[in-house]
Amino acid sequence: MDSRHLLSADQARAARALLNWSRVRLAAKANLSEMTIAVLENGIRKPRPHNITAIRKAFEDAGIVFTSEGSSSLARPEGDSGLVTDNRMWRGRQRKA
């Protein structure tokens, strides 16, 4: 199976936490229902491959990188000294640019 169809519940929760996204926000970004996100994260049943692809794409578009070891991290632009976890700080940095 293609890696874009692979996303574990732990990876999804970790990526959401890194982005400080709610399930509702992820659902909106992936153009899916909140229930689909809950199904993946709670392991109720295995989501359809196209839903996994949409979720993964939403994360990757936001800067999440999934490693071959199964972890997720935020990609840093060149010259960035570190991750900014507070959205207020990020917005402030955006205005100054």
N, C-alpha and C. Protein backbone atom coordinates (compact mmCIF):
# COMPACT_ATOMS: atom_id res chain seq x y z
N MET A 1 0.84 -1.19 0.00
CA MET A 1 0.00 0.00 0.00
C MET A 1 0.88 1.24 0.00
N ASP A 2 0.48 2.21 -0.73
CA ASP A 2 1.17 3.49 -0.88
C ASP A 2 1.20 4.23 0.47
N SER A 3 2.31 4.90 0.76
CA SER A 3 2.46 5.57 2.07
C SER A 3 1.45 6.70 2.28
N ARG A 4 0.91 7.28 1.20
CA ARG A 4 -0.08 8.35 1.42
C ARG A 4 -1.39 7.83 1.95
N HIS A 5 -1.57 6.50 1.93
CA HIS A 5 -2.77 5.89 2.49
C HIS A 5 -2.53 5.39 3.92
N LEU A 6 -1.33 5.64 4.44
CA LEU A 6 -0.98 5.18 5.78
C LEU A 6 -0.95 6.34 6.76
N LEU A 7 -1.72 6.20 7.82
CA LEU A 7 -1.74 7.19 8.88
C LEU A 7 -2.36 6.51 10.10
N SER A 8 -1.60 6.43 11.17
CA SER A 8 -2.13 5.79 12.37
C SER A 8 -2.89 6.80 13.21
N ALA A 9 -3.66 6.28 14.15
CA ALA A 9 -4.39 7.14 15.07
C ALA A 9 -3.41 7.98 15.89
N ASP A 10 -2.32 7.37 16.32
CA ASP A 10 -1.32 8.11 17.10
C ASP A 10 -0.69 9.23 16.28
N GLN A 11 -0.40 8.96 15.01
CA GLN A 11 0.18 10.00 14.15
C GLN A 11 -0.81 11.16 13.97
N ALA A 12 -2.06 10.83 13.77
CA ALA A 12 -3.08 11.87 13.56
C ALA A 12 -3.22 12.74 14.81
N ARG A 13 -3.28 12.11 15.98
CA ARG A 13 -3.40 12.88 17.22
C ARG A 13 -2.16 13.75 17.45
N ALA A 14 -0.98 13.18 17.17
CA ALA A 14 0.27 13.93 17.36
C ALA A 14 0.34 15.12 16.40
N ALA A 15 -0.04 14.90 15.16
CA ALA A 15 0.00 15.98 14.17
C ALA A 15 -1.00 17.09 14.55
N ARG A 16 -2.18 16.69 15.01
CA ARG A 16 -3.16 17.69 15.44
C ARG A 16 -2.62 18.50 16.61
N ALA A 17 -1.94 17.81 17.52
CA ALA A 17 -1.39 18.49 18.70
C ALA A 17 -0.28 19.47 18.28
N LEU A 18 0.57 19.06 17.34
CA LEU A 18 1.63 19.94 16.87
C LEU A 18 1.06 21.21 16.24
N LEU A 19 -0.04 21.07 15.54
CA LEU A 19 -0.67 22.20 14.87
C LEU A 19 -1.66 22.95 15.76
N ASN A 20 -1.96 22.35 16.92
CA ASN A 20 -2.97 22.91 17.83
C ASN A 20 -4.32 23.02 17.13
N TRP A 21 -4.67 21.97 16.39
CA TRP A 21 -5.93 21.89 15.65
C TRP A 21 -6.94 21.05 16.40
N SER A 22 -8.18 21.45 16.37
CA SER A 22 -9.27 20.62 16.89
C SER A 22 -9.65 19.61 15.81
N ARG A 23 -10.46 18.65 16.18
CA ARG A 23 -10.98 17.71 15.18
C ARG A 23 -11.82 18.43 14.14
N VAL A 24 -12.56 19.44 14.58
CA VAL A 24 -13.41 20.21 13.67
C VAL A 24 -12.54 20.92 12.63
N ARG A 25 -11.45 21.52 13.07
CA ARG A 25 -10.58 22.23 12.14
C ARG A 25 -9.94 21.26 11.15
N LEU A 26 -9.45 20.12 11.63
CA LEU A 26 -8.87 19.13 10.73
C LEU A 26 -9.91 18.65 9.73
N ALA A 27 -11.11 18.41 10.20
CA ALA A 27 -12.18 17.96 9.30
C ALA A 27 -12.43 19.00 8.21
N ALA A 28 -12.44 20.26 8.57
CA ALA A 28 -12.66 21.33 7.59
C ALA A 28 -11.51 21.39 6.59
N LYS A 29 -10.28 21.28 7.08
CA LYS A 29 -9.11 21.34 6.19
C LYS A 29 -9.07 20.15 5.24
N ALA A 30 -9.53 18.98 5.70
CA ALA A 30 -9.52 17.77 4.88
C ALA A 30 -10.81 17.60 4.08
N ASN A 31 -11.77 18.50 4.30
CA ASN A 31 -13.08 18.43 3.65
C ASN A 31 -13.79 17.10 3.97
N LEU A 32 -13.76 16.76 5.25
CA LEU A 32 -14.39 15.54 5.74
C LEU A 32 -15.25 15.89 6.96
N SER A 33 -15.97 14.91 7.46
CA SER A 33 -16.77 15.15 8.66
C SER A 33 -15.92 14.95 9.91
N GLU A 34 -16.36 15.56 10.99
CA GLU A 34 -15.67 15.37 12.27
C GLU A 34 -15.75 13.90 12.69
N MET A 35 -16.83 13.23 12.33
CA MET A 35 -16.98 11.81 12.67
C MET A 35 -15.89 10.98 12.01
N THR A 36 -15.50 11.32 10.78
CA THR A 36 -14.44 10.58 10.09
C THR A 36 -13.13 10.72 10.84
N ILE A 37 -12.86 11.91 11.36
CA ILE A 37 -11.64 12.13 12.15
C ILE A 37 -11.70 11.32 13.44
N ALA A 38 -12.85 11.33 14.10
CA ALA A 38 -13.02 10.57 15.34
C ALA A 38 -12.87 9.07 15.09
N VAL A 39 -13.39 8.59 13.97
CA VAL A 39 -13.27 7.17 13.62
C VAL A 39 -11.80 6.78 13.52
N LEU A 40 -11.01 7.61 12.84
CA LEU A 40 -9.58 7.32 12.71
C LEU A 40 -8.89 7.36 14.07
N GLU A 41 -9.09 8.43 14.82
CA GLU A 41 -8.37 8.62 16.08
C GLU A 41 -8.79 7.65 17.17
N ASN A 42 -10.04 7.22 17.17
CA ASN A 42 -10.52 6.31 18.20
C ASN A 42 -10.40 4.85 17.80
N GLY A 43 -10.06 4.58 16.55
CA GLY A 43 -9.90 3.21 16.08
C GLY A 43 -11.20 2.44 16.02
N ILE A 44 -12.32 3.14 15.86
CA ILE A 44 -13.62 2.48 15.80
C ILE A 44 -13.67 1.52 14.62
N ARG A 45 -13.21 2.00 13.48
CA ARG A 45 -13.05 1.15 12.30
C ARG A 45 -12.01 1.82 11.41
N LYS A 46 -11.54 1.10 10.43
CA LYS A 46 -10.51 1.65 9.56
C LYS A 46 -11.16 2.56 8.52
N PRO A 47 -10.73 3.82 8.45
CA PRO A 47 -11.30 4.74 7.46
C PRO A 47 -10.91 4.33 6.04
N ARG A 48 -11.66 4.81 5.08
CA ARG A 48 -11.38 4.52 3.68
C ARG A 48 -10.07 5.18 3.26
N PRO A 49 -9.35 4.53 2.34
CA PRO A 49 -8.06 5.08 1.90
C PRO A 49 -8.12 6.52 1.40
N HIS A 50 -9.17 6.90 0.68
CA HIS A 50 -9.24 8.29 0.18
C HIS A 50 -9.44 9.28 1.33
N ASN A 51 -10.06 8.85 2.43
CA ASN A 51 -10.19 9.73 3.60
C ASN A 51 -8.85 9.90 4.30
N ILE A 52 -8.10 8.81 4.41
CA ILE A 52 -6.76 8.88 5.00
C ILE A 52 -5.89 9.83 4.17
N THR A 53 -5.98 9.69 2.85
CA THR A 53 -5.20 10.55 1.96
C THR A 53 -5.56 12.02 2.17
N ALA A 54 -6.84 12.33 2.30
CA ALA A 54 -7.29 13.71 2.52
C ALA A 54 -6.77 14.26 3.85
N ILE A 55 -6.81 13.45 4.89
CA ILE A 55 -6.33 13.87 6.21
C ILE A 55 -4.83 14.12 6.16
N ARG A 56 -4.12 13.17 5.59
CA ARG A 56 -2.67 13.29 5.50
C ARG A 56 -2.27 14.52 4.67
N LYS A 57 -2.98 14.78 3.58
CA LYS A 57 -2.69 15.94 2.74
C LYS A 57 -2.93 17.24 3.51
N ALA A 58 -4.00 17.29 4.30
CA ALA A 58 -4.27 18.48 5.11
C ALA A 58 -3.12 18.74 6.08
N PHE A 59 -2.63 17.68 6.70
CA PHE A 59 -1.49 17.83 7.61
C PHE A 59 -0.24 18.28 6.86
N GLU A 60 0.05 17.63 5.74
CA GLU A 60 1.25 17.97 4.98
C GLU A 60 1.19 19.39 4.42
N ASP A 61 0.01 19.82 4.00
CA ASP A 61 -0.15 21.20 3.52
C ASP A 61 0.12 22.21 4.64
N ALA A 62 -0.12 21.80 5.88
CA ALA A 62 0.12 22.67 7.04
C ALA A 62 1.55 22.58 7.55
N GLY A 63 2.39 21.74 6.91
CA GLY A 63 3.79 21.66 7.29
C GLY A 63 4.20 20.44 8.08
N ILE A 64 3.29 19.51 8.28
CA ILE A 64 3.63 18.28 9.00
C ILE A 64 4.40 17.34 8.08
N VAL A 65 5.45 16.74 8.61
CA VAL A 65 6.24 15.76 7.88
C VAL A 65 6.14 14.44 8.64
N PHE A 66 5.76 13.38 7.94
CA PHE A 66 5.68 12.06 8.54
C PHE A 66 6.94 11.30 8.19
N THR A 67 7.63 10.79 9.22
CA THR A 67 8.89 10.09 9.00
C THR A 67 8.64 8.61 8.77
N SER A 68 9.67 7.95 8.26
CA SER A 68 9.56 6.52 8.01
C SER A 68 9.45 5.72 9.31
N GLU A 69 9.90 6.32 10.42
CA GLU A 69 9.79 5.66 11.73
C GLU A 69 8.39 5.75 12.30
N GLY A 70 7.52 6.52 11.66
CA GLY A 70 6.14 6.61 12.12
C GLY A 70 5.84 7.82 12.98
N SER A 71 6.81 8.70 13.15
CA SER A 71 6.53 9.90 13.95
C SER A 71 6.15 11.05 13.02
N SER A 72 5.67 12.11 13.61
CA SER A 72 5.30 13.29 12.83
C SER A 72 5.98 14.50 13.45
N SER A 73 6.34 15.46 12.60
CA SER A 73 6.97 16.68 13.09
C SER A 73 6.61 17.83 12.15
N LEU A 74 6.80 19.04 12.64
CA LEU A 74 6.59 20.22 11.82
C LEU A 74 7.87 20.51 11.05
N ALA A 75 7.72 20.79 9.78
CA ALA A 75 8.87 21.17 8.96
C ALA A 75 9.24 22.61 9.29
N ARG A 76 10.53 22.91 9.33
CA ARG A 76 10.98 24.27 9.60
C ARG A 76 11.52 24.89 8.32
N PRO A 77 11.11 26.11 8.02
CA PRO A 77 11.69 26.80 6.87
C PRO A 77 13.17 27.05 7.10
N GLU A 78 13.95 27.14 6.03
CA GLU A 78 15.38 27.41 6.13
C GLU A 78 15.60 28.69 6.93
N GLY A 79 16.57 28.67 7.83
CA GLY A 79 16.90 29.85 8.62
C GLY A 79 16.05 30.02 9.86
N ASP A 80 15.02 29.20 10.04
CA ASP A 80 14.19 29.28 11.23
C ASP A 80 14.93 28.63 12.37
N SER A 81 15.01 29.29 13.51
CA SER A 81 15.79 28.78 14.62
C SER A 81 15.07 27.74 15.46
N GLY A 82 13.77 27.58 15.29
CA GLY A 82 13.03 26.61 16.08
C GLY A 82 11.55 26.69 15.84
N LEU A 83 10.84 25.78 16.47
CA LEU A 83 9.40 25.74 16.32
C LEU A 83 8.74 26.79 17.19
N VAL A 84 7.71 27.40 16.67
CA VAL A 84 6.90 28.34 17.44
C VAL A 84 5.58 27.64 17.68
N THR A 85 5.29 27.33 18.93
CA THR A 85 4.09 26.57 19.23
C THR A 85 2.89 27.44 19.56
N ASP A 86 3.12 28.70 19.84
CA ASP A 86 2.04 29.59 20.20
C ASP A 86 1.54 30.31 18.95
N ASN A 87 0.29 30.11 18.60
CA ASN A 87 -0.27 30.73 17.39
C ASN A 87 -0.16 32.24 17.42
N ARG A 88 -0.27 32.84 18.60
CA ARG A 88 -0.17 34.29 18.68
C ARG A 88 1.21 34.76 18.24
N MET A 89 2.24 34.03 18.65
CA MET A 89 3.60 34.40 18.24
C MET A 89 3.76 34.24 16.74
N TRP A 90 3.19 33.20 16.18
CA TRP A 90 3.29 32.96 14.74
C TRP A 90 2.61 34.08 13.97
N ARG A 91 1.42 34.46 14.40
CA ARG A 91 0.71 35.54 13.71
C ARG A 91 1.50 36.84 13.80
N GLY A 92 2.12 37.09 14.95
CA GLY A 92 2.93 38.28 15.10
C GLY A 92 4.13 38.27 14.15
N ARG A 93 4.72 37.11 13.99
CA ARG A 93 5.85 36.99 13.08
C ARG A 93 5.40 37.20 11.64
N GLN A 94 4.19 36.77 11.31
CA GLN A 94 3.68 36.94 9.96
C GLN A 94 3.48 38.41 9.63
N ARG A 95 3.00 39.20 10.58
CA ARG A 95 2.75 40.62 10.33
C ARG A 95 4.04 41.39 10.09
N LYS A 96 5.11 41.00 10.79
CA LYS A 96 6.38 41.70 10.67
C LYS A 96 7.05 41.46 9.33
N ALA A 97 6.76 40.34 8.71
CA ALA A 97 7.43 39.97 7.45
C ALA A 97 7.04 40.84 6.30
